[in-house]
N, C-alpha and C. Protein backbone atom coordinates (compact mmCIF):
# COMPACT_ATOMS: atom_id res chain seq x y z
N MET A 1 0.84 -1.20 0.00
CA MET A 1 0.00 0.00 0.00
C MET A 1 0.87 1.24 0.00
N GLN A 2 0.54 2.21 -0.83
CA GLN A 2 1.31 3.44 -0.86
C GLN A 2 1.11 4.23 0.42
N SER A 3 2.22 4.61 1.04
CA SER A 3 2.09 5.34 2.30
C SER A 3 3.13 6.43 2.47
N LEU A 4 3.87 6.76 1.40
CA LEU A 4 4.73 7.93 1.48
C LEU A 4 3.82 9.15 1.54
N ILE A 5 4.07 10.04 2.46
CA ILE A 5 3.18 11.17 2.70
C ILE A 5 3.79 12.44 2.15
N PRO A 6 3.16 13.10 1.16
CA PRO A 6 3.65 14.41 0.73
C PRO A 6 3.39 15.43 1.83
N ILE A 7 4.43 16.09 2.29
CA ILE A 7 4.29 17.08 3.35
C ILE A 7 4.56 18.45 2.76
N VAL A 8 3.56 19.31 2.81
CA VAL A 8 3.69 20.63 2.21
C VAL A 8 4.33 21.60 3.18
N ILE A 9 3.96 21.52 4.46
CA ILE A 9 4.52 22.41 5.46
C ILE A 9 5.44 21.62 6.36
N GLY A 10 6.72 21.96 6.39
CA GLY A 10 7.65 21.29 7.28
C GLY A 10 8.31 22.30 8.18
N LEU A 11 7.74 22.55 9.36
CA LEU A 11 8.35 23.46 10.32
C LEU A 11 9.39 22.70 11.11
N VAL A 12 10.30 23.42 11.75
CA VAL A 12 11.37 22.77 12.47
C VAL A 12 11.42 23.24 13.90
N ASN A 13 11.41 22.31 14.81
CA ASN A 13 11.60 22.63 16.22
C ASN A 13 13.09 22.65 16.47
N LEU A 14 13.68 23.84 16.56
CA LEU A 14 15.12 23.95 16.65
C LEU A 14 15.68 23.39 17.94
N SER A 15 14.86 23.25 18.97
CA SER A 15 15.37 22.69 20.21
C SER A 15 15.73 21.21 20.03
N SER A 16 15.11 20.55 19.04
CA SER A 16 15.43 19.16 18.79
C SER A 16 16.08 18.97 17.42
N GLY A 17 15.93 19.97 16.54
CA GLY A 17 16.50 19.87 15.21
C GLY A 17 15.76 18.91 14.32
N ILE A 18 14.52 18.60 14.63
CA ILE A 18 13.76 17.60 13.89
C ILE A 18 12.60 18.25 13.15
N PRO A 19 12.53 18.11 11.80
CA PRO A 19 11.35 18.59 11.09
C PRO A 19 10.12 17.81 11.54
N PHE A 20 8.98 18.47 11.53
CA PHE A 20 7.77 17.75 11.92
C PHE A 20 6.62 18.15 11.03
N SER A 21 5.61 17.32 10.99
CA SER A 21 4.38 17.65 10.26
C SER A 21 3.20 17.35 11.17
N LEU A 22 2.06 17.90 10.80
CA LEU A 22 0.84 17.70 11.58
C LEU A 22 -0.09 16.77 10.83
N SER A 23 -0.60 15.78 11.53
CA SER A 23 -1.58 14.88 10.94
C SER A 23 -2.96 15.48 11.11
N ASP A 24 -3.73 15.60 10.00
CA ASP A 24 -5.06 16.20 10.11
C ASP A 24 -5.98 15.61 9.06
N GLU A 25 -7.24 16.00 9.13
CA GLU A 25 -8.23 15.37 8.26
C GLU A 25 -8.10 15.80 6.82
N GLY A 26 -7.32 16.84 6.54
CA GLY A 26 -7.15 17.26 5.16
C GLY A 26 -6.29 16.30 4.37
N GLY A 27 -5.46 15.50 5.05
CA GLY A 27 -4.61 14.55 4.38
C GLY A 27 -5.06 13.14 4.69
N GLU A 28 -4.09 12.29 5.01
CA GLU A 28 -4.42 10.90 5.28
C GLU A 28 -4.94 10.70 6.70
N ASN A 29 -4.71 11.67 7.58
CA ASN A 29 -5.21 11.59 8.95
C ASN A 29 -4.69 10.35 9.67
N LYS A 30 -3.36 10.13 9.55
CA LYS A 30 -2.77 8.93 10.13
C LYS A 30 -1.51 9.25 10.91
N VAL A 31 -1.31 8.52 12.01
CA VAL A 31 -0.04 8.51 12.73
C VAL A 31 0.27 7.04 12.97
N ILE A 32 0.36 6.29 11.86
CA ILE A 32 0.49 4.83 11.92
C ILE A 32 1.78 4.44 12.61
N GLY A 33 1.67 3.52 13.57
CA GLY A 33 2.83 3.09 14.33
C GLY A 33 3.22 4.07 15.41
N GLY A 34 2.39 5.07 15.63
CA GLY A 34 2.71 6.10 16.60
C GLY A 34 2.60 5.64 18.04
N THR A 35 3.27 6.37 18.90
CA THR A 35 3.20 6.11 20.33
C THR A 35 2.64 7.35 21.03
N ASP A 36 2.22 7.18 22.26
CA ASP A 36 1.65 8.29 23.01
C ASP A 36 2.68 9.37 23.27
N ALA A 37 2.29 10.62 23.01
CA ALA A 37 3.12 11.76 23.40
C ALA A 37 2.83 12.06 24.87
N THR A 38 3.81 12.56 25.58
CA THR A 38 3.57 12.94 26.98
C THR A 38 2.93 14.32 27.03
N LYS A 39 2.17 14.56 28.05
CA LYS A 39 1.49 15.85 28.19
C LYS A 39 2.54 16.96 28.30
N GLY A 40 2.40 17.97 27.45
CA GLY A 40 3.34 19.08 27.45
C GLY A 40 4.57 18.86 26.59
N GLU A 41 4.68 17.70 25.94
CA GLU A 41 5.84 17.41 25.10
C GLU A 41 5.90 18.31 23.88
N PHE A 42 4.72 18.67 23.34
CA PHE A 42 4.64 19.54 22.16
C PHE A 42 3.73 20.72 22.50
N PRO A 43 4.21 21.66 23.30
CA PRO A 43 3.36 22.76 23.78
C PRO A 43 2.95 23.75 22.70
N PHE A 44 3.59 23.66 21.53
CA PHE A 44 3.25 24.56 20.42
C PHE A 44 2.09 24.04 19.59
N LEU A 45 1.71 22.77 19.77
CA LEU A 45 0.64 22.17 18.98
C LEU A 45 -0.72 22.54 19.53
N ILE A 46 -1.64 22.90 18.64
CA ILE A 46 -3.01 23.19 19.06
C ILE A 46 -4.00 22.41 18.20
N SER A 47 -5.17 22.22 18.75
CA SER A 47 -6.27 21.58 18.03
C SER A 47 -7.15 22.66 17.42
N LEU A 48 -7.35 22.59 16.11
CA LEU A 48 -8.25 23.51 15.42
C LEU A 48 -9.62 22.85 15.38
N GLN A 49 -10.64 23.55 15.89
CA GLN A 49 -11.96 22.96 16.02
C GLN A 49 -13.04 23.86 15.43
N ARG A 50 -14.10 23.21 14.93
CA ARG A 50 -15.26 23.95 14.40
C ARG A 50 -16.52 23.37 15.00
N THR A 51 -17.56 24.17 14.98
CA THR A 51 -18.82 23.72 15.59
C THR A 51 -19.79 23.23 14.52
N ILE A 52 -20.42 22.12 14.81
CA ILE A 52 -21.44 21.54 13.94
C ILE A 52 -22.65 21.21 14.80
N PHE A 53 -23.77 21.89 14.52
CA PHE A 53 -24.99 21.72 15.31
C PHE A 53 -24.72 21.89 16.80
N GLY A 54 -23.92 22.90 17.11
CA GLY A 54 -23.69 23.26 18.50
C GLY A 54 -22.62 22.47 19.22
N LYS A 55 -21.98 21.51 18.54
CA LYS A 55 -20.94 20.71 19.17
C LYS A 55 -19.60 20.94 18.48
N TRP A 56 -18.53 21.05 19.28
CA TRP A 56 -17.21 21.33 18.73
C TRP A 56 -16.49 20.04 18.36
N PHE A 57 -15.82 20.05 17.18
CA PHE A 57 -15.08 18.89 16.70
C PHE A 57 -13.68 19.31 16.26
N HIS A 58 -12.68 18.49 16.60
CA HIS A 58 -11.32 18.68 16.09
C HIS A 58 -11.30 18.31 14.62
N PHE A 59 -10.63 19.12 13.78
CA PHE A 59 -10.52 18.73 12.37
C PHE A 59 -9.15 18.98 11.77
N CYS A 60 -8.29 19.75 12.43
CA CYS A 60 -6.94 19.97 11.92
C CYS A 60 -6.02 20.35 13.06
N GLY A 61 -4.74 20.17 12.83
CA GLY A 61 -3.75 20.65 13.78
C GLY A 61 -3.23 22.01 13.35
N ALA A 62 -2.66 22.75 14.27
CA ALA A 62 -2.06 24.04 13.98
C ALA A 62 -0.91 24.27 14.96
N THR A 63 -0.15 25.32 14.71
CA THR A 63 1.06 25.57 15.50
C THR A 63 1.08 27.01 15.99
N ILE A 64 1.43 27.20 17.25
CA ILE A 64 1.52 28.54 17.83
C ILE A 64 2.83 29.20 17.39
N ILE A 65 2.74 30.41 16.80
CA ILE A 65 3.96 31.13 16.45
C ILE A 65 4.16 32.36 17.34
N ASN A 66 3.08 32.93 17.86
CA ASN A 66 3.19 33.95 18.91
C ASN A 66 1.85 34.03 19.63
N SER A 67 1.69 34.98 20.52
CA SER A 67 0.50 34.99 21.38
C SER A 67 -0.80 35.26 20.64
N HIS A 68 -0.74 35.85 19.45
CA HIS A 68 -1.97 36.19 18.72
C HIS A 68 -2.13 35.47 17.38
N TRP A 69 -1.12 34.69 16.97
CA TRP A 69 -1.19 34.07 15.65
C TRP A 69 -0.78 32.60 15.71
N THR A 70 -1.47 31.79 14.89
CA THR A 70 -1.09 30.40 14.71
C THR A 70 -0.97 30.13 13.21
N ILE A 71 -0.32 29.03 12.88
CA ILE A 71 -0.13 28.66 11.48
C ILE A 71 -0.70 27.27 11.24
N THR A 72 -1.34 27.09 10.09
CA THR A 72 -1.93 25.80 9.76
C THR A 72 -1.88 25.61 8.26
N ALA A 73 -2.44 24.52 7.77
CA ALA A 73 -2.53 24.28 6.33
C ALA A 73 -3.72 25.05 5.76
N ALA A 74 -3.51 25.66 4.60
CA ALA A 74 -4.57 26.46 3.99
C ALA A 74 -5.79 25.61 3.66
N HIS A 75 -5.58 24.35 3.27
CA HIS A 75 -6.73 23.51 2.91
C HIS A 75 -7.65 23.26 4.09
N CYS A 76 -7.13 23.45 5.30
CA CYS A 76 -7.97 23.25 6.49
C CYS A 76 -9.02 24.34 6.65
N VAL A 77 -8.72 25.55 6.19
CA VAL A 77 -9.61 26.68 6.46
C VAL A 77 -10.11 27.38 5.21
N SER A 78 -9.80 26.83 4.03
CA SER A 78 -10.19 27.51 2.79
C SER A 78 -11.70 27.54 2.58
N ASN A 79 -12.42 26.58 3.16
CA ASN A 79 -13.87 26.53 2.99
C ASN A 79 -14.60 26.49 4.33
N VAL A 80 -14.01 27.15 5.32
CA VAL A 80 -14.59 27.17 6.66
C VAL A 80 -15.02 28.59 7.01
N ASP A 81 -16.18 28.72 7.64
CA ASP A 81 -16.66 30.03 8.08
C ASP A 81 -15.72 30.56 9.15
N ILE A 82 -15.04 31.68 8.86
CA ILE A 82 -14.07 32.25 9.79
C ILE A 82 -14.77 33.20 10.74
N SER A 83 -15.03 32.73 11.93
CA SER A 83 -15.70 33.51 12.96
C SER A 83 -15.42 32.86 14.30
N GLU A 84 -15.26 33.68 15.34
CA GLU A 84 -15.01 33.11 16.66
C GLU A 84 -16.17 32.26 17.16
N TYR A 85 -17.35 32.39 16.50
CA TYR A 85 -18.51 31.59 16.90
C TYR A 85 -18.52 30.21 16.25
N TYR A 86 -17.73 30.03 15.18
CA TYR A 86 -17.74 28.77 14.45
C TYR A 86 -16.38 28.10 14.37
N LEU A 87 -15.31 28.83 14.70
CA LEU A 87 -13.96 28.29 14.58
C LEU A 87 -13.13 28.73 15.77
N LYS A 88 -12.42 27.79 16.38
CA LYS A 88 -11.59 28.12 17.53
C LYS A 88 -10.35 27.24 17.56
N VAL A 89 -9.36 27.66 18.34
CA VAL A 89 -8.20 26.83 18.62
C VAL A 89 -8.27 26.40 20.08
N VAL A 90 -7.72 25.24 20.35
CA VAL A 90 -7.60 24.76 21.73
C VAL A 90 -6.13 24.52 22.00
N ALA A 91 -5.51 25.44 22.72
CA ALA A 91 -4.11 25.28 23.12
C ALA A 91 -4.04 24.43 24.37
N GLY A 92 -2.94 23.72 24.55
CA GLY A 92 -2.81 22.86 25.72
C GLY A 92 -3.64 21.59 25.64
N GLU A 93 -4.12 21.27 24.44
CA GLU A 93 -4.94 20.06 24.24
C GLU A 93 -4.06 18.82 24.23
N HIS A 94 -4.49 17.78 24.89
CA HIS A 94 -3.77 16.50 24.85
C HIS A 94 -4.71 15.35 24.52
N THR A 95 -5.83 15.28 25.20
CA THR A 95 -6.81 14.22 24.95
C THR A 95 -8.11 14.84 24.46
N LEU A 96 -8.45 14.56 23.21
CA LEU A 96 -9.68 15.10 22.64
C LEU A 96 -10.89 14.56 23.38
N GLY A 97 -11.88 15.41 23.56
CA GLY A 97 -13.12 14.98 24.19
C GLY A 97 -13.12 15.04 25.70
N SER A 98 -11.99 15.39 26.29
CA SER A 98 -11.93 15.51 27.75
C SER A 98 -11.62 16.95 28.12
N ILE A 99 -12.07 17.37 29.29
CA ILE A 99 -11.80 18.72 29.77
C ILE A 99 -10.53 18.68 30.61
N GLU A 100 -9.52 19.44 30.17
CA GLU A 100 -8.22 19.44 30.85
C GLU A 100 -7.90 20.85 31.35
N ALA A 101 -7.29 20.93 32.51
CA ALA A 101 -6.97 22.23 33.11
C ALA A 101 -6.00 23.03 32.25
N SER A 102 -5.21 22.34 31.42
CA SER A 102 -4.21 23.01 30.59
C SER A 102 -4.80 23.70 29.36
N GLU A 103 -6.06 23.43 29.05
CA GLU A 103 -6.66 23.92 27.81
C GLU A 103 -6.97 25.41 27.85
N GLN A 104 -6.77 26.06 26.70
CA GLN A 104 -7.21 27.43 26.47
C GLN A 104 -8.00 27.45 25.17
N HIS A 105 -9.27 27.85 25.23
CA HIS A 105 -10.14 27.91 24.07
C HIS A 105 -10.24 29.35 23.59
N ILE A 106 -9.81 29.60 22.35
CA ILE A 106 -9.77 30.96 21.83
C ILE A 106 -10.36 30.99 20.42
N GLY A 107 -11.25 31.92 20.16
CA GLY A 107 -11.87 32.05 18.84
C GLY A 107 -10.91 32.55 17.79
N VAL A 108 -11.20 32.20 16.54
CA VAL A 108 -10.41 32.66 15.38
C VAL A 108 -11.20 33.75 14.68
N THR A 109 -10.58 34.91 14.47
CA THR A 109 -11.28 36.04 13.86
C THR A 109 -10.88 36.31 12.42
N GLU A 110 -9.75 35.74 11.98
CA GLU A 110 -9.29 36.01 10.62
C GLU A 110 -8.36 34.89 10.16
N ALA A 111 -8.47 34.54 8.88
CA ALA A 111 -7.58 33.56 8.27
C ALA A 111 -6.92 34.19 7.05
N LEU A 112 -5.60 34.18 7.01
CA LEU A 112 -4.85 34.73 5.89
C LEU A 112 -4.20 33.58 5.13
N LEU A 113 -4.80 33.21 4.00
CA LEU A 113 -4.25 32.13 3.18
C LEU A 113 -3.17 32.69 2.26
N HIS A 114 -2.18 31.87 1.95
CA HIS A 114 -1.14 32.28 1.00
C HIS A 114 -1.79 32.71 -0.31
N ASP A 115 -1.33 33.81 -0.87
CA ASP A 115 -1.94 34.35 -2.09
C ASP A 115 -1.93 33.35 -3.24
N ASP A 116 -0.92 32.48 -3.28
CA ASP A 116 -0.79 31.54 -4.39
C ASP A 116 -1.22 30.12 -4.03
N PHE A 117 -1.98 29.98 -2.96
CA PHE A 117 -2.46 28.65 -2.58
C PHE A 117 -3.34 28.07 -3.68
N ASN A 118 -3.06 26.82 -4.05
CA ASN A 118 -3.84 26.12 -5.07
C ASN A 118 -4.45 24.87 -4.44
N PRO A 119 -5.78 24.83 -4.28
CA PRO A 119 -6.41 23.68 -3.62
C PRO A 119 -6.33 22.39 -4.42
N ILE A 120 -5.99 22.48 -5.71
CA ILE A 120 -5.86 21.29 -6.54
C ILE A 120 -4.51 20.62 -6.32
N THR A 121 -3.43 21.42 -6.39
CA THR A 121 -2.08 20.87 -6.23
C THR A 121 -1.57 20.97 -4.80
N ASN A 122 -2.26 21.77 -3.97
CA ASN A 122 -1.84 22.04 -2.59
C ASN A 122 -0.52 22.79 -2.51
N VAL A 123 -0.13 23.45 -3.59
CA VAL A 123 1.07 24.28 -3.53
C VAL A 123 0.79 25.48 -2.63
N HIS A 124 1.79 25.91 -1.86
CA HIS A 124 1.65 27.03 -0.91
C HIS A 124 0.50 26.79 0.07
N ASP A 125 0.42 25.57 0.56
CA ASP A 125 -0.67 25.17 1.45
C ASP A 125 -0.38 25.64 2.88
N ILE A 126 -0.54 26.93 3.09
CA ILE A 126 -0.19 27.52 4.38
C ILE A 126 -1.11 28.69 4.68
N ALA A 127 -1.48 28.86 5.93
CA ALA A 127 -2.38 29.94 6.33
C ALA A 127 -2.05 30.40 7.74
N LEU A 128 -2.28 31.68 8.00
CA LEU A 128 -2.13 32.25 9.33
C LEU A 128 -3.51 32.51 9.92
N LEU A 129 -3.67 32.23 11.20
CA LEU A 129 -4.94 32.46 11.88
C LEU A 129 -4.75 33.49 12.98
N ARG A 130 -5.56 34.57 12.93
CA ARG A 130 -5.53 35.58 13.98
C ARG A 130 -6.50 35.18 15.09
N LEU A 131 -6.04 35.26 16.32
CA LEU A 131 -6.86 34.84 17.45
C LEU A 131 -7.61 36.00 18.08
N GLN A 132 -8.73 35.67 18.69
CA GLN A 132 -9.60 36.68 19.30
C GLN A 132 -8.91 37.41 20.45
N HIS A 133 -8.10 36.69 21.20
CA HIS A 133 -7.30 37.32 22.26
C HIS A 133 -6.02 36.52 22.45
N ALA A 134 -5.12 37.03 23.26
CA ALA A 134 -3.79 36.45 23.39
C ALA A 134 -3.81 35.09 24.09
N ILE A 135 -2.91 34.22 23.64
CA ILE A 135 -2.65 32.96 24.33
C ILE A 135 -1.79 33.26 25.55
N LEU A 136 -2.06 32.59 26.65
CA LEU A 136 -1.24 32.72 27.85
C LEU A 136 -0.24 31.57 27.88
N PHE A 137 1.04 31.91 27.82
CA PHE A 137 2.07 30.88 27.77
C PHE A 137 2.39 30.32 29.15
N ASN A 138 2.60 29.00 29.19
CA ASN A 138 2.95 28.31 30.43
C ASN A 138 3.67 27.02 30.08
N THR A 139 3.75 26.09 31.02
CA THR A 139 4.46 24.83 30.78
C THR A 139 3.86 24.03 29.63
N PHE A 140 2.54 24.09 29.46
CA PHE A 140 1.86 23.27 28.46
C PHE A 140 1.52 24.03 27.18
N VAL A 141 1.76 25.33 27.16
CA VAL A 141 1.41 26.15 26.00
C VAL A 141 2.56 27.12 25.71
N LYS A 142 3.24 26.91 24.58
CA LYS A 142 4.38 27.75 24.21
C LYS A 142 4.45 27.89 22.69
N PRO A 143 5.04 28.98 22.18
CA PRO A 143 5.23 29.11 20.74
C PRO A 143 6.36 28.20 20.27
N ILE A 144 6.33 27.85 19.01
CA ILE A 144 7.38 27.01 18.44
C ILE A 144 8.63 27.84 18.18
N ASN A 145 9.78 27.19 18.18
CA ASN A 145 11.02 27.82 17.76
C ASN A 145 11.09 27.73 16.24
N LEU A 146 10.93 28.84 15.55
CA LEU A 146 10.91 28.83 14.09
C LEU A 146 12.31 28.61 13.53
N PRO A 147 12.41 27.97 12.35
CA PRO A 147 13.73 27.71 11.75
C PRO A 147 14.37 28.98 11.22
N THR A 148 15.68 28.96 11.14
CA THR A 148 16.40 30.06 10.52
C THR A 148 16.33 29.92 9.01
N SER A 149 16.60 31.00 8.30
CA SER A 149 16.58 30.98 6.84
C SER A 149 17.60 29.98 6.31
N GLY A 150 17.17 29.18 5.34
CA GLY A 150 18.08 28.22 4.74
C GLY A 150 18.16 26.89 5.46
N ASN A 151 17.40 26.73 6.53
CA ASN A 151 17.41 25.47 7.26
C ASN A 151 16.84 24.36 6.38
N THR A 152 17.52 23.22 6.33
CA THR A 152 17.08 22.11 5.49
C THR A 152 16.69 20.91 6.35
N PRO A 153 15.75 20.10 5.86
CA PRO A 153 15.30 18.93 6.64
C PRO A 153 16.42 17.93 6.85
N SER A 154 16.34 17.18 7.93
CA SER A 154 17.30 16.12 8.20
C SER A 154 16.78 14.82 7.59
N GLU A 155 17.22 13.68 8.09
CA GLU A 155 16.84 12.40 7.51
C GLU A 155 15.49 11.90 8.00
N ASN A 156 15.00 12.47 9.09
CA ASN A 156 13.74 11.99 9.66
C ASN A 156 12.76 13.12 9.89
N CYS A 157 11.50 12.76 9.91
CA CYS A 157 10.43 13.72 10.14
C CYS A 157 9.58 13.23 11.30
N LEU A 158 9.35 14.09 12.27
CA LEU A 158 8.50 13.73 13.40
C LEU A 158 7.07 14.18 13.10
N THR A 159 6.17 13.24 12.98
CA THR A 159 4.76 13.52 12.72
C THR A 159 3.97 13.41 14.01
N ILE A 160 3.16 14.42 14.30
CA ILE A 160 2.38 14.42 15.53
C ILE A 160 0.92 14.75 15.21
N GLY A 161 0.02 14.23 16.01
CA GLY A 161 -1.39 14.54 15.80
C GLY A 161 -2.30 13.51 16.44
N TRP A 162 -3.58 13.62 16.07
CA TRP A 162 -4.60 12.74 16.64
C TRP A 162 -5.15 11.78 15.57
N GLY A 163 -4.31 11.38 14.62
CA GLY A 163 -4.76 10.50 13.55
C GLY A 163 -4.82 9.05 13.97
N SER A 164 -5.24 8.19 13.02
CA SER A 164 -5.32 6.75 13.30
C SER A 164 -3.92 6.16 13.39
N THR A 165 -3.75 5.14 14.21
CA THR A 165 -2.43 4.55 14.46
C THR A 165 -2.21 3.25 13.68
N TYR A 166 -3.22 2.81 12.91
CA TYR A 166 -3.04 1.64 12.07
C TYR A 166 -4.00 1.76 10.89
N GLU A 167 -3.69 1.03 9.80
CA GLU A 167 -4.49 1.10 8.58
C GLU A 167 -5.94 0.74 8.87
N GLY A 168 -6.85 1.62 8.50
CA GLY A 168 -8.27 1.37 8.67
C GLY A 168 -8.79 1.63 10.06
N GLY A 169 -7.91 2.09 10.95
CA GLY A 169 -8.33 2.33 12.32
C GLY A 169 -8.98 3.69 12.49
N SER A 170 -9.68 3.85 13.61
CA SER A 170 -10.30 5.14 13.92
C SER A 170 -9.26 6.09 14.50
N ASN A 171 -9.57 7.37 14.49
CA ASN A 171 -8.64 8.37 15.00
C ASN A 171 -8.45 8.22 16.51
N SER A 172 -7.25 8.56 16.96
CA SER A 172 -6.94 8.48 18.38
C SER A 172 -7.38 9.76 19.08
N ASN A 173 -7.92 9.64 20.27
CA ASN A 173 -8.26 10.82 21.07
C ASN A 173 -7.05 11.38 21.80
N SER A 174 -6.03 10.54 22.01
CA SER A 174 -4.82 11.01 22.69
C SER A 174 -3.75 11.37 21.67
N LEU A 175 -2.95 12.36 21.98
CA LEU A 175 -1.93 12.85 21.06
C LEU A 175 -0.88 11.78 20.80
N LYS A 176 -0.54 11.58 19.52
CA LYS A 176 0.43 10.57 19.12
C LYS A 176 1.62 11.21 18.42
N LYS A 177 2.71 10.45 18.34
CA LYS A 177 3.90 10.90 17.61
C LYS A 177 4.54 9.70 16.93
N VAL A 178 5.21 9.94 15.80
CA VAL A 178 5.92 8.88 15.10
C VAL A 178 7.03 9.49 14.26
N ASN A 179 8.19 8.84 14.22
CA ASN A 179 9.30 9.27 13.37
C ASN A 179 9.21 8.58 12.03
N LEU A 180 9.34 9.35 10.95
CA LEU A 180 9.28 8.81 9.60
C LEU A 180 10.51 9.24 8.82
N PRO A 181 11.06 8.36 7.97
CA PRO A 181 12.20 8.75 7.14
C PRO A 181 11.76 9.68 6.02
N ILE A 182 12.62 10.64 5.68
CA ILE A 182 12.35 11.57 4.59
C ILE A 182 13.00 11.04 3.31
N PHE A 183 12.26 11.08 2.20
CA PHE A 183 12.76 10.61 0.92
C PHE A 183 13.11 11.80 0.03
N ASN A 184 14.11 11.61 -0.84
CA ASN A 184 14.48 12.71 -1.74
C ASN A 184 13.41 12.87 -2.82
N ASP A 185 13.48 14.01 -3.54
CA ASP A 185 12.43 14.35 -4.50
C ASP A 185 12.26 13.30 -5.59
N LYS A 186 13.38 12.74 -6.09
CA LYS A 186 13.28 11.77 -7.18
C LYS A 186 12.54 10.51 -6.73
N VAL A 187 12.90 9.99 -5.58
CA VAL A 187 12.23 8.80 -5.06
C VAL A 187 10.75 9.08 -4.86
N CYS A 188 10.46 10.26 -4.34
CA CYS A 188 9.07 10.64 -4.08
C CYS A 188 8.27 10.73 -5.38
N ARG A 189 8.84 11.40 -6.38
CA ARG A 189 8.12 11.54 -7.66
C ARG A 189 7.95 10.19 -8.34
N ASP A 190 8.98 9.34 -8.29
CA ASP A 190 8.88 8.01 -8.90
C ASP A 190 7.79 7.18 -8.22
N PHE A 191 7.67 7.34 -6.91
CA PHE A 191 6.69 6.57 -6.14
C PHE A 191 5.27 6.92 -6.56
N TYR A 192 5.04 8.20 -6.84
CA TYR A 192 3.69 8.65 -7.19
C TYR A 192 3.46 8.75 -8.70
N GLU A 193 4.42 8.31 -9.49
CA GLU A 193 4.25 8.35 -10.94
C GLU A 193 3.05 7.50 -11.35
N GLY A 194 2.21 8.07 -12.22
CA GLY A 194 1.03 7.36 -12.67
C GLY A 194 -0.19 7.56 -11.80
N THR A 195 -0.04 8.35 -10.73
CA THR A 195 -1.18 8.66 -9.86
C THR A 195 -1.63 10.10 -10.09
N GLU A 196 -2.68 10.51 -9.41
CA GLU A 196 -3.18 11.87 -9.55
C GLU A 196 -2.40 12.86 -8.69
N ILE A 197 -1.48 12.37 -7.88
CA ILE A 197 -0.71 13.23 -6.98
C ILE A 197 0.53 13.76 -7.67
N THR A 198 0.72 15.07 -7.64
CA THR A 198 1.90 15.71 -8.21
C THR A 198 2.78 16.23 -7.08
N ILE A 199 4.03 15.81 -7.07
CA ILE A 199 4.97 16.24 -6.04
C ILE A 199 5.69 17.49 -6.54
N LEU A 200 5.50 18.60 -5.84
CA LEU A 200 6.09 19.88 -6.22
C LEU A 200 7.35 20.15 -5.42
N ASN A 201 8.12 21.16 -5.87
CA ASN A 201 9.39 21.48 -5.21
C ASN A 201 9.20 21.91 -3.76
N SER A 202 8.03 22.45 -3.44
CA SER A 202 7.77 22.93 -2.08
C SER A 202 7.35 21.81 -1.14
N MET A 203 7.29 20.58 -1.64
CA MET A 203 6.86 19.44 -0.84
C MET A 203 8.04 18.52 -0.55
N MET A 204 7.84 17.66 0.44
CA MET A 204 8.78 16.57 0.67
C MET A 204 7.97 15.35 1.07
N CYS A 205 8.58 14.17 0.94
CA CYS A 205 7.88 12.93 1.26
C CYS A 205 8.51 12.27 2.48
N ALA A 206 7.64 11.71 3.31
CA ALA A 206 8.11 10.95 4.47
C ALA A 206 7.20 9.75 4.65
N GLY A 207 7.75 8.63 5.08
CA GLY A 207 6.93 7.44 5.31
C GLY A 207 7.67 6.18 4.94
N TYR A 208 6.89 5.12 4.67
CA TYR A 208 7.45 3.82 4.33
C TYR A 208 6.74 3.27 3.11
N GLU A 209 7.51 2.71 2.17
CA GLU A 209 6.93 2.18 0.95
C GLU A 209 6.07 0.95 1.21
N GLU A 210 6.41 0.19 2.27
CA GLU A 210 5.69 -1.06 2.49
C GLU A 210 4.35 -0.89 3.15
N GLY A 211 4.02 0.36 3.61
CA GLY A 211 2.73 0.59 4.22
C GLY A 211 2.76 0.39 5.71
């Protein structure tokens, strides 16, 4: 089964030097082979949630960059009503569906998608979200250390999120993490040759060919 994952956004946590990606419903929604993350291990990760018939649901991951802004994939919010009444972030989230003292629920008031975002190819799949009020930083909630200019990915990619941990499985309510090898562009393009997926220069692939 094909399981190399095209990753459009690869941010880097400089404290560990490991590129990471977020697992969300816009892609494969998987953290196959993942293990439990410890509470507070990824304080920059937030749950992006929307309301449906009065109930809030997680649908994408996002990353804290400062007290008023977060970053996510553009495909997550390109067709979502942007309002603090319908869209919010949950910082300090670890277990979906449970009320945790570490959580901060903040409405989203604006989404700035990359001007050249293409929903067909997913090129420039990046968006900034303005928050209704400031995030309060603490042990469980912190901004990410952004990479310096020219920083290049290493051999592995750390994927984190609430995706399924095995093929065909349901999504996990607890935060998971998994290390995946990064493949070069040629291997990635050869792998997807003959499919509807186009690997662009702004993407990289991580995963395992055997599934």
